[in-house]
Amino acid sequence: MRVIKQGTVLEDAWQRLPEPAPDLPLPAGDWIVPLDYWRHHRKQLSAHNGRVAVCLHGADKPDDLLEVLDALDLIALEFPKFTDGRAYSQARLLRTRHGYRGELRAVGEVLRDQLFFMQRCGIDSFELPHGKDADDALQGLSGFSVKYQSSTDGALPIYQLRRKQGRP
């Protein structure tokens, strides 16, 4: 699958388990599984031949992963539709409150116009919907030169830049 990661488009080995997840053992490989599947099969997943990541949906709480946060290489955040922004909050909580340093991946209805804002909340990889041009979407990461709010990326917002320059 093609994803945007580290400012480039690349092929990625992760596969997503469909929702609702079948109650079968996973084939070998790297899998992103829904939180409920992970909860119910956690013991079996610890012996899996490959890496396992968790996908959080809007109603899922990042706190549910606190005890295993350091063991997860990737956490996927589901954007079910353009108007549902709960995954932005999940990303921000995982990065700032819980100190998660692994990969945060936006999945679902991930649109070019949102990539810049997703990145500012701490998301660092993006799985685009089928049929979307990843090379075109990559331009969404550099579409803004000024930031208006503080965020996880450490960039100074415009009001602080103006204050440093002695301007109101």
N, C-alpha and C. Protein backbone atom coordinates (compact mmCIF):
# COMPACT_ATOMS: atom_id res chain seq x y z
N MET A 1 0.85 -1.17 0.00
CA MET A 1 0.00 0.00 0.00
C MET A 1 0.90 1.23 0.00
N ARG A 2 0.47 2.28 -0.70
CA ARG A 2 1.24 3.52 -0.76
C ARG A 2 0.79 4.46 0.35
N VAL A 3 1.77 5.01 1.05
CA VAL A 3 1.50 5.96 2.12
C VAL A 3 2.44 7.15 1.97
N ILE A 4 2.06 8.23 2.61
CA ILE A 4 2.94 9.39 2.72
C ILE A 4 3.59 9.31 4.09
N LYS A 5 4.92 9.33 4.09
CA LYS A 5 5.66 9.23 5.34
C LYS A 5 6.98 9.97 5.17
N GLN A 6 7.34 10.77 6.16
CA GLN A 6 8.58 11.54 6.14
C GLN A 6 8.71 12.38 4.87
N GLY A 7 7.59 12.96 4.46
CA GLY A 7 7.59 13.87 3.32
C GLY A 7 7.76 13.21 1.97
N THR A 8 7.54 11.92 1.88
CA THR A 8 7.68 11.22 0.60
C THR A 8 6.59 10.15 0.47
N VAL A 9 6.35 9.72 -0.74
CA VAL A 9 5.39 8.65 -1.00
C VAL A 9 6.17 7.36 -1.11
N LEU A 10 5.75 6.34 -0.35
CA LEU A 10 6.46 5.07 -0.39
C LEU A 10 5.52 3.89 -0.23
N GLU A 11 6.02 2.72 -0.58
CA GLU A 11 5.26 1.48 -0.39
C GLU A 11 5.43 1.04 1.05
N ASP A 12 4.38 0.51 1.62
CA ASP A 12 4.37 0.17 3.03
C ASP A 12 3.87 -1.26 3.20
N ALA A 13 4.42 -1.99 4.16
CA ALA A 13 4.08 -3.40 4.36
C ALA A 13 2.86 -3.62 5.27
N TRP A 14 2.42 -2.58 5.99
CA TRP A 14 1.30 -2.77 6.90
C TRP A 14 0.02 -3.09 6.13
N GLN A 15 -0.78 -4.02 6.69
CA GLN A 15 -2.10 -4.35 6.14
C GLN A 15 -3.12 -4.06 7.22
N ARG A 16 -4.31 -3.65 6.79
CA ARG A 16 -5.36 -3.36 7.77
C ARG A 16 -6.37 -4.49 7.81
N LEU A 17 -6.67 -4.93 9.03
CA LEU A 17 -7.70 -5.94 9.24
C LEU A 17 -9.05 -5.24 9.11
N PRO A 18 -9.97 -5.80 8.33
CA PRO A 18 -11.26 -5.11 8.14
C PRO A 18 -12.08 -5.04 9.42
N GLU A 19 -13.02 -4.14 9.40
CA GLU A 19 -13.92 -3.95 10.53
C GLU A 19 -15.29 -4.43 10.10
N PRO A 20 -16.02 -5.27 10.78
CA PRO A 20 -15.60 -5.98 11.97
C PRO A 20 -14.57 -7.06 11.63
N ALA A 21 -13.67 -7.27 12.54
CA ALA A 21 -12.55 -8.18 12.31
C ALA A 21 -13.00 -9.63 12.44
N PRO A 22 -12.53 -10.49 11.54
CA PRO A 22 -12.83 -11.92 11.68
C PRO A 22 -12.14 -12.50 12.92
N ASP A 23 -12.69 -13.55 13.43
CA ASP A 23 -12.15 -14.15 14.65
C ASP A 23 -11.14 -15.25 14.31
N LEU A 24 -10.31 -15.01 13.31
CA LEU A 24 -9.32 -15.99 12.86
C LEU A 24 -7.92 -15.53 13.22
N PRO A 25 -6.97 -16.43 13.30
CA PRO A 25 -5.58 -16.00 13.50
C PRO A 25 -5.10 -15.20 12.29
N LEU A 26 -4.25 -14.25 12.53
CA LEU A 26 -3.73 -13.42 11.44
C LEU A 26 -2.65 -14.16 10.67
N PRO A 27 -2.64 -14.02 9.35
CA PRO A 27 -1.51 -14.56 8.59
C PRO A 27 -0.24 -13.78 8.94
N ALA A 28 0.91 -14.33 8.62
CA ALA A 28 2.17 -13.65 8.90
C ALA A 28 2.19 -12.29 8.22
N GLY A 29 2.93 -11.37 8.81
CA GLY A 29 3.04 -10.03 8.25
C GLY A 29 2.73 -8.98 9.29
N ASP A 30 2.77 -7.73 8.85
CA ASP A 30 2.50 -6.59 9.71
C ASP A 30 1.04 -6.18 9.56
N TRP A 31 0.30 -6.16 10.67
CA TRP A 31 -1.13 -5.92 10.65
C TRP A 31 -1.53 -4.78 11.56
N ILE A 32 -2.49 -3.98 11.09
CA ILE A 32 -3.14 -2.95 11.90
C ILE A 32 -4.52 -3.51 12.23
N VAL A 33 -4.79 -3.69 13.52
CA VAL A 33 -6.04 -4.31 13.95
C VAL A 33 -6.86 -3.31 14.76
N PRO A 34 -8.19 -3.43 14.71
CA PRO A 34 -9.05 -2.56 15.54
C PRO A 34 -8.78 -2.80 17.03
N LEU A 35 -9.01 -1.79 17.84
CA LEU A 35 -8.77 -1.88 19.28
C LEU A 35 -9.52 -3.05 19.90
N ASP A 36 -10.79 -3.26 19.53
CA ASP A 36 -11.57 -4.36 20.12
C ASP A 36 -10.94 -5.72 19.79
N TYR A 37 -10.49 -5.89 18.56
CA TYR A 37 -9.82 -7.15 18.17
C TYR A 37 -8.56 -7.32 19.01
N TRP A 38 -7.79 -6.27 19.16
CA TRP A 38 -6.55 -6.32 19.94
C TRP A 38 -6.85 -6.71 21.39
N ARG A 39 -7.91 -6.11 21.97
CA ARG A 39 -8.27 -6.43 23.35
C ARG A 39 -8.59 -7.92 23.53
N HIS A 40 -9.37 -8.47 22.58
CA HIS A 40 -9.84 -9.85 22.71
C HIS A 40 -8.79 -10.89 22.31
N HIS A 41 -7.79 -10.51 21.55
CA HIS A 41 -6.80 -11.48 21.06
C HIS A 41 -5.38 -11.10 21.46
N ARG A 42 -5.26 -10.32 22.48
CA ARG A 42 -3.95 -9.78 22.88
C ARG A 42 -2.91 -10.87 23.13
N LYS A 43 -3.31 -11.93 23.79
CA LYS A 43 -2.38 -13.00 24.10
C LYS A 43 -1.87 -13.68 22.82
N GLN A 44 -2.79 -14.00 21.90
CA GLN A 44 -2.40 -14.64 20.64
C GLN A 44 -1.55 -13.70 19.79
N LEU A 45 -1.85 -12.41 19.83
CA LEU A 45 -1.11 -11.44 19.03
C LEU A 45 0.33 -11.28 19.50
N SER A 46 0.58 -11.55 20.78
CA SER A 46 1.95 -11.43 21.28
C SER A 46 2.87 -12.48 20.65
N ALA A 47 2.31 -13.58 20.14
CA ALA A 47 3.09 -14.63 19.49
C ALA A 47 3.02 -14.54 17.96
N HIS A 48 2.42 -13.48 17.44
CA HIS A 48 2.23 -13.32 15.99
C HIS A 48 3.56 -13.17 15.26
N ASN A 49 3.64 -13.76 14.07
CA ASN A 49 4.83 -13.68 13.22
C ASN A 49 4.77 -12.40 12.39
N GLY A 50 5.15 -11.30 13.00
CA GLY A 50 5.10 -9.98 12.37
C GLY A 50 4.75 -8.94 13.41
N ARG A 51 4.68 -7.71 12.98
CA ARG A 51 4.34 -6.63 13.91
C ARG A 51 2.82 -6.44 13.94
N VAL A 52 2.34 -5.94 15.07
CA VAL A 52 0.91 -5.66 15.23
C VAL A 52 0.76 -4.23 15.72
N ALA A 53 -0.10 -3.49 15.06
CA ALA A 53 -0.43 -2.12 15.44
C ALA A 53 -1.92 -2.07 15.76
N VAL A 54 -2.32 -1.00 16.43
CA VAL A 54 -3.72 -0.84 16.83
C VAL A 54 -4.31 0.36 16.11
N CYS A 55 -5.57 0.23 15.69
CA CYS A 55 -6.31 1.34 15.07
C CYS A 55 -7.34 1.84 16.06
N LEU A 56 -7.28 3.14 16.36
CA LEU A 56 -8.26 3.77 17.24
C LEU A 56 -9.34 4.42 16.39
N HIS A 57 -10.59 4.15 16.73
CA HIS A 57 -11.72 4.81 16.10
C HIS A 57 -12.13 5.98 16.99
N GLY A 58 -13.05 6.79 16.54
CA GLY A 58 -13.41 8.02 17.23
C GLY A 58 -13.76 7.87 18.70
N ALA A 59 -14.51 6.85 19.05
CA ALA A 59 -14.95 6.68 20.44
C ALA A 59 -13.90 6.00 21.31
N ASP A 60 -12.84 5.47 20.72
CA ASP A 60 -11.79 4.80 21.49
C ASP A 60 -10.95 5.81 22.24
N LYS A 61 -10.48 5.42 23.39
CA LYS A 61 -9.67 6.29 24.24
C LYS A 61 -8.20 5.90 24.14
N PRO A 62 -7.30 6.85 23.86
CA PRO A 62 -5.88 6.54 23.85
C PRO A 62 -5.39 5.97 25.18
N ASP A 63 -6.07 6.31 26.27
CA ASP A 63 -5.69 5.80 27.60
C ASP A 63 -5.73 4.27 27.66
N ASP A 64 -6.54 3.64 26.80
CA ASP A 64 -6.64 2.18 26.80
C ASP A 64 -5.33 1.51 26.41
N LEU A 65 -4.41 2.27 25.80
CA LEU A 65 -3.14 1.70 25.34
C LEU A 65 -1.95 2.07 26.21
N LEU A 66 -2.18 2.78 27.30
CA LEU A 66 -1.07 3.31 28.09
C LEU A 66 -0.05 2.26 28.52
N GLU A 67 -0.52 1.11 28.96
CA GLU A 67 0.41 0.10 29.48
C GLU A 67 1.28 -0.54 28.39
N VAL A 68 0.88 -0.40 27.11
CA VAL A 68 1.65 -1.02 26.01
C VAL A 68 2.15 0.01 25.00
N LEU A 69 2.00 1.26 25.32
CA LEU A 69 2.35 2.33 24.37
C LEU A 69 3.76 2.20 23.81
N ASP A 70 4.72 1.93 24.66
CA ASP A 70 6.11 1.83 24.22
C ASP A 70 6.36 0.61 23.33
N ALA A 71 5.50 -0.37 23.39
CA ALA A 71 5.69 -1.59 22.59
C ALA A 71 5.06 -1.48 21.20
N LEU A 72 4.27 -0.44 20.96
CA LEU A 72 3.60 -0.29 19.68
C LEU A 72 4.43 0.58 18.74
N ASP A 73 4.81 0.02 17.59
CA ASP A 73 5.56 0.77 16.58
C ASP A 73 4.67 1.77 15.87
N LEU A 74 3.38 1.45 15.77
CA LEU A 74 2.45 2.27 15.00
C LEU A 74 1.08 2.24 15.66
N ILE A 75 0.43 3.40 15.67
CA ILE A 75 -0.97 3.50 16.06
C ILE A 75 -1.67 4.22 14.93
N ALA A 76 -2.71 3.59 14.39
CA ALA A 76 -3.49 4.20 13.32
C ALA A 76 -4.68 4.93 13.94
N LEU A 77 -5.01 6.08 13.38
CA LEU A 77 -6.15 6.88 13.85
C LEU A 77 -7.14 7.00 12.70
N GLU A 78 -8.35 6.53 12.94
CA GLU A 78 -9.38 6.48 11.90
C GLU A 78 -10.09 7.82 11.74
N PHE A 79 -10.10 8.32 10.53
CA PHE A 79 -10.89 9.49 10.15
C PHE A 79 -12.04 8.97 9.30
N PRO A 80 -13.23 8.71 9.90
CA PRO A 80 -14.32 8.09 9.16
C PRO A 80 -14.96 9.00 8.11
N LYS A 81 -14.92 10.31 8.36
CA LYS A 81 -15.45 11.26 7.40
C LYS A 81 -14.82 12.63 7.67
N PHE A 82 -14.94 13.50 6.70
CA PHE A 82 -14.29 14.81 6.73
C PHE A 82 -14.65 15.61 7.98
N THR A 83 -15.88 15.49 8.44
CA THR A 83 -16.36 16.32 9.55
C THR A 83 -16.08 15.73 10.93
N ASP A 84 -15.47 14.57 11.01
CA ASP A 84 -15.20 13.94 12.30
C ASP A 84 -13.74 14.18 12.68
N GLY A 85 -13.51 15.06 13.65
CA GLY A 85 -12.16 15.44 14.01
C GLY A 85 -11.64 14.82 15.29
N ARG A 86 -12.28 13.78 15.78
CA ARG A 86 -11.85 13.19 17.05
C ARG A 86 -10.42 12.64 16.98
N ALA A 87 -10.00 12.17 15.82
CA ALA A 87 -8.65 11.62 15.71
C ALA A 87 -7.58 12.70 15.86
N TYR A 88 -7.91 13.95 15.56
CA TYR A 88 -6.96 15.05 15.83
C TYR A 88 -6.67 15.12 17.33
N SER A 89 -7.72 15.02 18.13
CA SER A 89 -7.56 15.06 19.59
C SER A 89 -6.80 13.85 20.09
N GLN A 90 -7.09 12.67 19.53
CA GLN A 90 -6.38 11.47 19.93
C GLN A 90 -4.88 11.62 19.65
N ALA A 91 -4.54 12.16 18.48
CA ALA A 91 -3.13 12.35 18.12
C ALA A 91 -2.46 13.30 19.10
N ARG A 92 -3.11 14.40 19.36
CA ARG A 92 -2.53 15.39 20.27
C ARG A 92 -2.32 14.81 21.68
N LEU A 93 -3.31 14.06 22.16
CA LEU A 93 -3.19 13.42 23.48
C LEU A 93 -2.04 12.40 23.50
N LEU A 94 -1.96 11.59 22.46
CA LEU A 94 -0.89 10.58 22.42
C LEU A 94 0.48 11.23 22.42
N ARG A 95 0.64 12.33 21.69
CA ARG A 95 1.95 12.98 21.60
C ARG A 95 2.28 13.81 22.84
N THR A 96 1.35 14.62 23.31
CA THR A 96 1.69 15.55 24.38
C THR A 96 1.47 14.98 25.78
N ARG A 97 0.33 14.42 26.03
CA ARG A 97 0.03 13.92 27.38
C ARG A 97 0.72 12.59 27.66
N HIS A 98 0.73 11.70 26.66
CA HIS A 98 1.23 10.35 26.89
C HIS A 98 2.65 10.13 26.36
N GLY A 99 3.20 11.08 25.64
CA GLY A 99 4.59 11.00 25.19
C GLY A 99 4.88 9.92 24.17
N TYR A 100 3.88 9.53 23.38
CA TYR A 100 4.09 8.49 22.37
C TYR A 100 5.04 8.98 21.29
N ARG A 101 6.08 8.20 20.99
CA ARG A 101 7.10 8.59 20.02
C ARG A 101 7.08 7.72 18.76
N GLY A 102 6.22 6.72 18.73
CA GLY A 102 6.13 5.86 17.55
C GLY A 102 5.38 6.55 16.43
N GLU A 103 5.09 5.81 15.40
CA GLU A 103 4.41 6.35 14.22
C GLU A 103 2.91 6.46 14.47
N LEU A 104 2.36 7.64 14.17
CA LEU A 104 0.91 7.85 14.17
C LEU A 104 0.48 7.96 12.72
N ARG A 105 -0.46 7.12 12.31
CA ARG A 105 -0.90 7.09 10.92
C ARG A 105 -2.38 7.46 10.81
N ALA A 106 -2.67 8.40 9.95
CA ALA A 106 -4.06 8.75 9.63
C ALA A 106 -4.56 7.76 8.58
N VAL A 107 -5.72 7.16 8.84
CA VAL A 107 -6.34 6.22 7.90
C VAL A 107 -7.81 6.60 7.73
N GLY A 108 -8.41 6.11 6.68
CA GLY A 108 -9.82 6.40 6.43
C GLY A 108 -9.98 7.49 5.41
N GLU A 109 -10.82 8.45 5.72
CA GLU A 109 -11.11 9.57 4.81
C GLU A 109 -10.06 10.66 5.01
N VAL A 110 -8.86 10.39 4.54
CA VAL A 110 -7.72 11.29 4.68
C VAL A 110 -7.61 12.11 3.40
N LEU A 111 -7.82 13.42 3.53
CA LEU A 111 -7.86 14.30 2.35
C LEU A 111 -6.67 15.25 2.32
N ARG A 112 -6.27 15.62 1.14
CA ARG A 112 -5.13 16.52 0.96
C ARG A 112 -5.24 17.77 1.82
N ASP A 113 -6.41 18.37 1.88
CA ASP A 113 -6.60 19.63 2.62
C ASP A 113 -6.40 19.47 4.12
N GLN A 114 -6.40 18.26 4.62
CA GLN A 114 -6.27 18.02 6.05
C GLN A 114 -4.85 17.64 6.48
N LEU A 115 -4.00 17.25 5.54
CA LEU A 115 -2.70 16.69 5.90
C LEU A 115 -1.86 17.64 6.75
N PHE A 116 -1.83 18.90 6.39
CA PHE A 116 -1.05 19.88 7.14
C PHE A 116 -1.50 19.93 8.60
N PHE A 117 -2.80 19.96 8.82
CA PHE A 117 -3.35 20.05 10.18
C PHE A 117 -3.15 18.75 10.94
N MET A 118 -3.27 17.62 10.24
CA MET A 118 -3.01 16.33 10.88
C MET A 118 -1.56 16.26 11.34
N GLN A 119 -0.65 16.71 10.51
CA GLN A 119 0.77 16.70 10.85
C GLN A 119 1.05 17.59 12.05
N ARG A 120 0.39 18.72 12.14
CA ARG A 120 0.60 19.64 13.26
C ARG A 120 0.13 19.03 14.58
N CYS A 121 -0.81 18.08 14.52
CA CYS A 121 -1.29 17.41 15.73
C CYS A 121 -0.42 16.22 16.11
N GLY A 122 0.57 15.90 15.29
CA GLY A 122 1.48 14.81 15.62
C GLY A 122 1.39 13.59 14.74
N ILE A 123 0.53 13.60 13.75
CA ILE A 123 0.42 12.47 12.82
C ILE A 123 1.58 12.57 11.83
N ASP A 124 2.28 11.45 11.63
CA ASP A 124 3.45 11.52 10.76
C ASP A 124 3.42 10.59 9.55
N SER A 125 2.33 9.86 9.36
CA SER A 125 2.15 9.11 8.12
C SER A 125 0.67 9.11 7.75
N PHE A 126 0.41 8.93 6.47
CA PHE A 126 -0.94 9.12 5.95
C PHE A 126 -1.25 8.05 4.91
N GLU A 127 -2.32 7.29 5.17
CA GLU A 127 -2.82 6.31 4.21
C GLU A 127 -4.02 6.93 3.52
N LEU A 128 -3.88 7.19 2.24
CA LEU A 128 -4.95 7.85 1.50
C LEU A 128 -5.98 6.84 1.01
N PRO A 129 -7.22 7.29 0.83
CA PRO A 129 -8.25 6.39 0.29
C PRO A 129 -7.88 5.95 -1.12
N HIS A 130 -8.38 4.79 -1.51
CA HIS A 130 -8.13 4.28 -2.86
C HIS A 130 -8.59 5.30 -3.90
N GLY A 131 -7.80 5.47 -4.93
CA GLY A 131 -8.15 6.39 -6.00
C GLY A 131 -7.60 7.79 -5.81
N LYS A 132 -7.06 8.11 -4.64
CA LYS A 132 -6.48 9.43 -4.40
C LYS A 132 -5.01 9.42 -4.82
N ASP A 133 -4.58 10.49 -5.43
CA ASP A 133 -3.21 10.62 -5.92
C ASP A 133 -2.30 11.05 -4.78
N ALA A 134 -1.43 10.14 -4.34
CA ALA A 134 -0.55 10.41 -3.20
C ALA A 134 0.45 11.52 -3.53
N ASP A 135 0.93 11.56 -4.76
CA ASP A 135 1.89 12.62 -5.14
C ASP A 135 1.23 14.00 -5.08
N ASP A 136 -0.02 14.07 -5.49
CA ASP A 136 -0.76 15.34 -5.39
C ASP A 136 -1.04 15.68 -3.93
N ALA A 137 -1.44 14.70 -3.15
CA ALA A 137 -1.75 14.94 -1.73
C ALA A 137 -0.52 15.40 -0.96
N LEU A 138 0.65 14.96 -1.37
CA LEU A 138 1.89 15.34 -0.70
C LEU A 138 2.05 16.86 -0.66
N GLN A 139 1.50 17.55 -1.64
CA GLN A 139 1.56 19.01 -1.67
C GLN A 139 0.79 19.64 -0.51
N GLY A 140 -0.15 18.89 0.06
CA GLY A 140 -0.94 19.39 1.18
C GLY A 140 -0.12 19.59 2.45
N LEU A 141 1.05 19.00 2.52
CA LEU A 141 1.89 19.15 3.71
C LEU A 141 2.65 20.47 3.72
N SER A 142 2.75 21.11 2.58
CA SER A 142 3.54 22.35 2.50
C SER A 142 2.72 23.53 2.01
N GLY A 143 1.44 23.45 2.12
CA GLY A 143 0.58 24.49 1.58
C GLY A 143 0.47 25.76 2.41
N PHE A 144 0.96 25.75 3.64
CA PHE A 144 0.83 26.90 4.52
C PHE A 144 2.21 27.34 5.00
N SER A 145 2.45 28.63 4.99
CA SER A 145 3.75 29.12 5.44
C SER A 145 3.69 29.71 6.85
N VAL A 146 2.49 29.98 7.36
CA VAL A 146 2.31 30.60 8.66
C VAL A 146 1.38 29.73 9.50
N LYS A 147 1.71 29.60 10.78
CA LYS A 147 0.87 28.85 11.70
C LYS A 147 0.18 29.83 12.65
N TYR A 148 -1.09 29.60 12.93
CA TYR A 148 -1.85 30.50 13.79
C TYR A 148 -1.97 30.00 15.22
N GLN A 149 -1.81 28.69 15.43
CA GLN A 149 -1.91 28.12 16.77
C GLN A 149 -0.62 27.38 17.09
N SER A 150 -0.35 27.21 18.39
CA SER A 150 0.76 26.35 18.78
C SER A 150 0.29 24.90 18.61
N SER A 151 1.25 23.99 18.49
CA SER A 151 0.91 22.59 18.28
C SER A 151 2.07 21.70 18.66
N THR A 152 1.96 20.42 18.34
CA THR A 152 2.99 19.46 18.72
C THR A 152 4.27 19.60 17.92
N ASP A 153 4.24 20.32 16.80
CA ASP A 153 5.43 20.41 15.96
C ASP A 153 6.45 21.44 16.44
N GLY A 154 6.11 22.22 17.46
CA GLY A 154 7.06 23.17 18.02
C GLY A 154 7.21 24.47 17.24
N ALA A 155 6.54 24.61 16.12
CA ALA A 155 6.64 25.84 15.34
C ALA A 155 5.94 26.98 16.07
N LEU A 156 6.56 28.16 16.04
CA LEU A 156 5.96 29.31 16.70
C LEU A 156 4.77 29.84 15.89
N PRO A 157 3.65 30.10 16.57
CA PRO A 157 2.52 30.69 15.87
C PRO A 157 2.82 32.15 15.52
N ILE A 158 2.08 32.70 14.58
CA ILE A 158 2.34 34.04 14.06
C ILE A 158 2.35 35.11 15.14
N TYR A 159 1.46 35.02 16.14
CA TYR A 159 1.43 36.06 17.17
C TYR A 159 2.73 36.07 17.98
N GLN A 160 3.34 34.92 18.20
CA GLN A 160 4.61 34.88 18.91
C GLN A 160 5.76 35.38 18.03
N LEU A 161 5.70 35.07 16.75
CA LEU A 161 6.72 35.59 15.83
C LEU A 161 6.67 37.11 15.78
N ARG A 162 5.47 37.67 15.72
CA ARG A 162 5.32 39.13 15.69
C ARG A 162 5.82 39.75 16.99
N ARG A 163 5.53 39.12 18.11
CA ARG A 163 5.97 39.63 19.41
C ARG A 163 7.51 39.64 19.48
N LYS A 164 8.16 38.59 18.96
CA LYS A 164 9.62 38.53 18.93
C LYS A 164 10.22 39.66 18.08
N GLN A 165 9.47 40.06 17.06
CA GLN A 165 9.93 41.13 16.17
C GLN A 165 9.53 42.50 16.70
N GLY A 166 8.88 42.56 17.85
CA GLY A 166 8.46 43.82 18.44
C GLY A 166 7.23 44.43 17.78
N ARG A 167 6.48 43.60 17.06
CA ARG A 167 5.26 44.08 16.40
C ARG A 167 4.03 43.61 17.15
N PRO A 168 2.96 44.39 17.09
CA PRO A 168 1.71 43.97 17.79
C PRO A 168 1.02 42.83 17.08
